[in-house]
Amino acid sequence: MQENLKWSTYPLEGNHDFASPINSQDFNGPTDPTITYLADLWKVWLSEEAIAEFRINGFYSDVLRLSNGTVIPNVRVIAVNTEACYNSNYYLMADRDDPGGMLAWFEETLYNMEATG
């Protein structure tokens, strides 16, 4: 598939992509098996830094790259984990303020983007 696409691809799971059981990602537990599986599949699309971030809780940022590999300066793709906002994920009862630290990570990512230009 990667060879046939003419554009850059930035994968992201949605709230119904978790299935064992569905809607049950524990942001306070060990690495989720679905995230581990997806990270292994998606490592061909993303930088090592983005995959390392994704493996933690299922969100990442990466530089914007054209299909020919050219990096667009000062532009990043930010991919958030929508499972952190899904009201049927009962694990969120334990971490209602900022599941997996995603909001803090997002704020830091934006700050770093501003600081580096």
C-alpha atoms as a PDB file:
ATOM      1  CA  MET A   1       0.000   0.000   0.000  1.00  0.00           C
ATOM      2  CA  GLN A   2       2.782   2.416   0.909  1.00  0.00           C
ATOM      3  CA  GLU A   3       4.323   2.055  -2.562  1.00  0.00           C
ATOM      4  CA  ASN A   4       1.046   2.932  -4.329  1.00  0.00           C
ATOM      5  CA  LEU A   5       0.117   6.054  -2.394  1.00  0.00           C
ATOM      6  CA  LYS A   6       1.229   9.339  -3.903  1.00  0.00           C
ATOM      7  CA  TRP A   7       0.700  11.383  -0.735  1.00  0.00           C
ATOM      8  CA  SER A   8       1.943  11.397   2.832  1.00  0.00           C
ATOM      9  CA  THR A   9       0.009   9.274   5.299  1.00  0.00           C
ATOM     10  CA  TYR A  10      -0.441   9.988   8.992  1.00  0.00           C
ATOM     11  CA  PRO A  11      -2.428   7.181  10.635  1.00  0.00           C
ATOM     12  CA  LEU A  12      -4.589   7.599  13.721  1.00  0.00           C
ATOM     13  CA  GLU A  13      -6.923   5.253  15.546  1.00  0.00           C
ATOM     14  CA  GLY A  14     -10.464   6.213  16.456  1.00  0.00           C
ATOM     15  CA  ASN A  15     -12.554   5.387  19.483  1.00  0.00           C
ATOM     16  CA  HIS A  16     -14.027   2.242  17.873  1.00  0.00           C
ATOM     17  CA  ASP A  17     -10.667   0.841  16.794  1.00  0.00           C
ATOM     18  CA  PHE A  18     -10.038  -0.634  20.228  1.00  0.00           C
ATOM     19  CA  ALA A  19     -11.546  -4.086  20.470  1.00  0.00           C
ATOM     20  CA  SER A  20     -10.720  -6.214  23.453  1.00  0.00           C
ATOM     21  CA  PRO A  21     -13.039  -5.099  24.804  1.00  0.00           C
ATOM     22  CA  ILE A  22     -14.154  -2.106  22.752  1.00  0.00           C
ATOM     23  CA  ASN A  23     -13.810   1.402  24.205  1.00  0.00           C
ATOM     24  CA  SER A  24     -11.499   0.357  27.003  1.00  0.00           C
ATOM     25  CA  GLN A  25      -8.069   1.900  26.754  1.00  0.00           C
ATOM     26  CA  ASP A  26      -6.561   2.309  30.198  1.00  0.00           C
ATOM     27  CA  PHE A  27      -4.406   5.439  30.111  1.00  0.00           C
ATOM     28  CA  ASN A  28      -2.946   4.657  33.539  1.00  0.00           C
ATOM     29  CA  GLY A  29      -1.985   1.057  32.935  1.00  0.00           C
ATOM     30  CA  PRO A  30       0.699  -0.692  30.925  1.00  0.00           C
ATOM     31  CA  THR A  31       0.941   0.010  27.224  1.00  0.00           C
ATOM     32  CA  ASP A  32      -2.277  -0.944  25.496  1.00  0.00           C
ATOM     33  CA  PRO A  33      -1.933  -4.013  23.230  1.00  0.00           C
ATOM     34  CA  THR A  34      -3.872  -2.315  20.427  1.00  0.00           C
ATOM     35  CA  ILE A  35      -1.518   0.670  20.470  1.00  0.00           C
ATOM     36  CA  THR A  36       1.498  -1.654  20.416  1.00  0.00           C
ATOM     37  CA  TYR A  37       0.033  -3.533  17.444  1.00  0.00           C
ATOM     38  CA  LEU A  38      -0.787  -0.320  15.541  1.00  0.00           C
ATOM     39  CA  ALA A  39       2.653   1.174  16.274  1.00  0.00           C
ATOM     40  CA  ASP A  40       4.283  -1.893  14.747  1.00  0.00           C
ATOM     41  CA  LEU A  41       2.087  -1.537  11.641  1.00  0.00           C
ATOM     42  CA  TRP A  42       2.503   2.220  11.299  1.00  0.00           C
ATOM     43  CA  LYS A  43       6.244   2.550  11.867  1.00  0.00           C
ATOM     44  CA  VAL A  44       6.746   2.661   8.081  1.00  0.00           C
ATOM     45  CA  TRP A  45       4.691   5.880   7.917  1.00  0.00           C
ATOM     46  CA  LEU A  46       6.054   7.817  10.883  1.00  0.00           C
ATOM     47  CA  SER A  47       9.365   9.000  12.281  1.00  0.00           C
ATOM     48  CA  GLU A  48      10.992   7.127  15.173  1.00  0.00           C
ATOM     49  CA  GLU A  49      10.125  10.060  17.465  1.00  0.00           C
ATOM     50  CA  ALA A  50       6.442   9.941  16.475  1.00  0.00           C
ATOM     51  CA  ILE A  51       6.238   6.155  16.939  1.00  0.00           C
ATOM     52  CA  ALA A  52       7.879   6.454  20.379  1.00  0.00           C
ATOM     53  CA  GLU A  53       5.249   9.061  21.373  1.00  0.00           C
ATOM     54  CA  PHE A  54       2.436   6.968  19.918  1.00  0.00           C
ATOM     55  CA  ARG A  55       3.516   3.863  21.851  1.00  0.00           C
ATOM     56  CA  ILE A  56       2.944   5.690  25.162  1.00  0.00           C
ATOM     57  CA  ASN A  57      -0.783   6.486  24.886  1.00  0.00           C
ATOM     58  CA  GLY A  58      -1.746   6.574  21.222  1.00  0.00           C
ATOM     59  CA  PHE A  59      -1.060  10.187  20.258  1.00  0.00           C
ATOM     60  CA  TYR A  60       1.867  11.791  18.462  1.00  0.00           C
ATOM     61  CA  SER A  61       3.169  14.707  16.451  1.00  0.00           C
ATOM     62  CA  ASP A  62       5.399  14.464  13.436  1.00  0.00           C
ATOM     63  CA  VAL A  63       6.929  16.781  10.865  1.00  0.00           C
ATOM     64  CA  LEU A  64       4.882  17.286   7.711  1.00  0.00           C
ATOM     65  CA  ARG A  65       6.559  15.351   4.945  1.00  0.00           C
ATOM     66  CA  LEU A  66       5.638  15.238   1.263  1.00  0.00           C
ATOM     67  CA  SER A  67       5.398  11.847  -0.402  1.00  0.00           C
ATOM     68  CA  ASN A  68       8.894  12.379  -1.886  1.00  0.00           C
ATOM     69  CA  GLY A  69      10.305  12.809   1.645  1.00  0.00           C
ATOM     70  CA  THR A  70      10.660  16.598   1.581  1.00  0.00           C
ATOM     71  CA  VAL A  71      10.030  18.037   5.039  1.00  0.00           C
ATOM     72  CA  ILE A  72       7.889  21.170   5.153  1.00  0.00           C
ATOM     73  CA  PRO A  73       9.615  23.538   7.621  1.00  0.00           C
ATOM     74  CA  ASN A  74       7.729  24.788  10.669  1.00  0.00           C
ATOM     75  CA  VAL A  75       4.717  22.517  10.116  1.00  0.00           C
ATOM     76  CA  ARG A  76       3.781  19.516  12.252  1.00  0.00           C
ATOM     77  CA  VAL A  77       0.951  17.025  12.122  1.00  0.00           C
ATOM     78  CA  ILE A  78      -0.689  16.568  15.520  1.00  0.00           C
ATOM     79  CA  ALA A  79      -2.674  13.369  16.005  1.00  0.00           C
ATOM     80  CA  VAL A  80      -4.733  12.974  19.173  1.00  0.00           C
ATOM     81  CA  ASN A  81      -6.245   9.816  20.639  1.00  0.00           C
ATOM     82  CA  THR A  82     -10.030  10.149  20.538  1.00  0.00           C
ATOM     83  CA  GLU A  83     -10.404   7.237  22.946  1.00  0.00           C
ATOM     84  CA  ALA A  84      -9.434   9.773  25.628  1.00  0.00           C
ATOM     85  CA  CYS A  85     -12.673  11.654  24.963  1.00  0.00           C
ATOM     86  CA  TYR A  86     -15.092   8.779  24.522  1.00  0.00           C
ATOM     87  CA  ASN A  87     -17.689   8.691  27.297  1.00  0.00           C
ATOM     88  CA  SER A  88     -18.137   4.912  27.044  1.00  0.00           C
ATOM     89  CA  ASN A  89     -14.509   4.258  28.016  1.00  0.00           C
ATOM     90  CA  TYR A  90     -15.010   3.414  31.671  1.00  0.00           C
ATOM     91  CA  TYR A  91     -11.290   3.620  32.450  1.00  0.00           C
ATOM     92  CA  LEU A  92     -11.644   7.397  32.105  1.00  0.00           C
ATOM     93  CA  MET A  93     -13.420   7.526  35.470  1.00  0.00           C
ATOM     94  CA  ALA A  94      -9.981   7.193  37.086  1.00  0.00           C
ATOM     95  CA  ASP A  95      -8.402   9.967  34.999  1.00  0.00           C
ATOM     96  CA  ARG A  96     -11.100  12.449  34.024  1.00  0.00           C
ATOM     97  CA  ASP A  97      -8.916  15.572  33.914  1.00  0.00           C
ATOM     98  CA  ASP A  98      -6.265  14.620  31.371  1.00  0.00           C
ATOM     99  CA  PRO A  99      -6.211  10.943  30.279  1.00  0.00           C
ATOM    100  CA  GLY A 100      -2.660   9.860  29.576  1.00  0.00           C
ATOM    101  CA  GLY A 101      -1.450  13.457  29.937  1.00  0.00           C
ATOM    102  CA  MET A 102      -2.605  14.216  26.376  1.00  0.00           C
ATOM    103  CA  LEU A 103      -3.640  17.820  27.067  1.00  0.00           C
ATOM    104  CA  ALA A 104      -0.345  18.571  28.834  1.00  0.00           C
ATOM    105  CA  TRP A 105       1.522  16.907  25.939  1.00  0.00           C
ATOM    106  CA  PHE A 106      -0.477  18.954  23.420  1.00  0.00           C
ATOM    107  CA  GLU A 107       0.288  22.191  25.255  1.00  0.00           C
ATOM    108  CA  GLU A 108       4.004  21.333  25.423  1.00  0.00           C
ATOM    109  CA  THR A 109       4.024  20.404  21.729  1.00  0.00           C
ATOM    110  CA  LEU A 110       2.458  23.740  20.792  1.00  0.00           C
ATOM    111  CA  TYR A 111       4.906  25.602  23.039  1.00  0.00           C
ATOM    112  CA  ASN A 112       7.852  23.816  21.443  1.00  0.00           C
ATOM    113  CA  MET A 113       6.527  24.617  17.976  1.00  0.00           C
ATOM    114  CA  GLU A 114       6.292  28.318  18.869  1.00  0.00           C
ATOM    115  CA  ALA A 115       9.734  28.333  20.479  1.00  0.00           C
ATOM    116  CA  THR A 116      11.433  26.756  17.466  1.00  0.00           C
ATOM    117  CA  GLY A 117       9.678  28.932  14.909  1.00  0.00           C
END
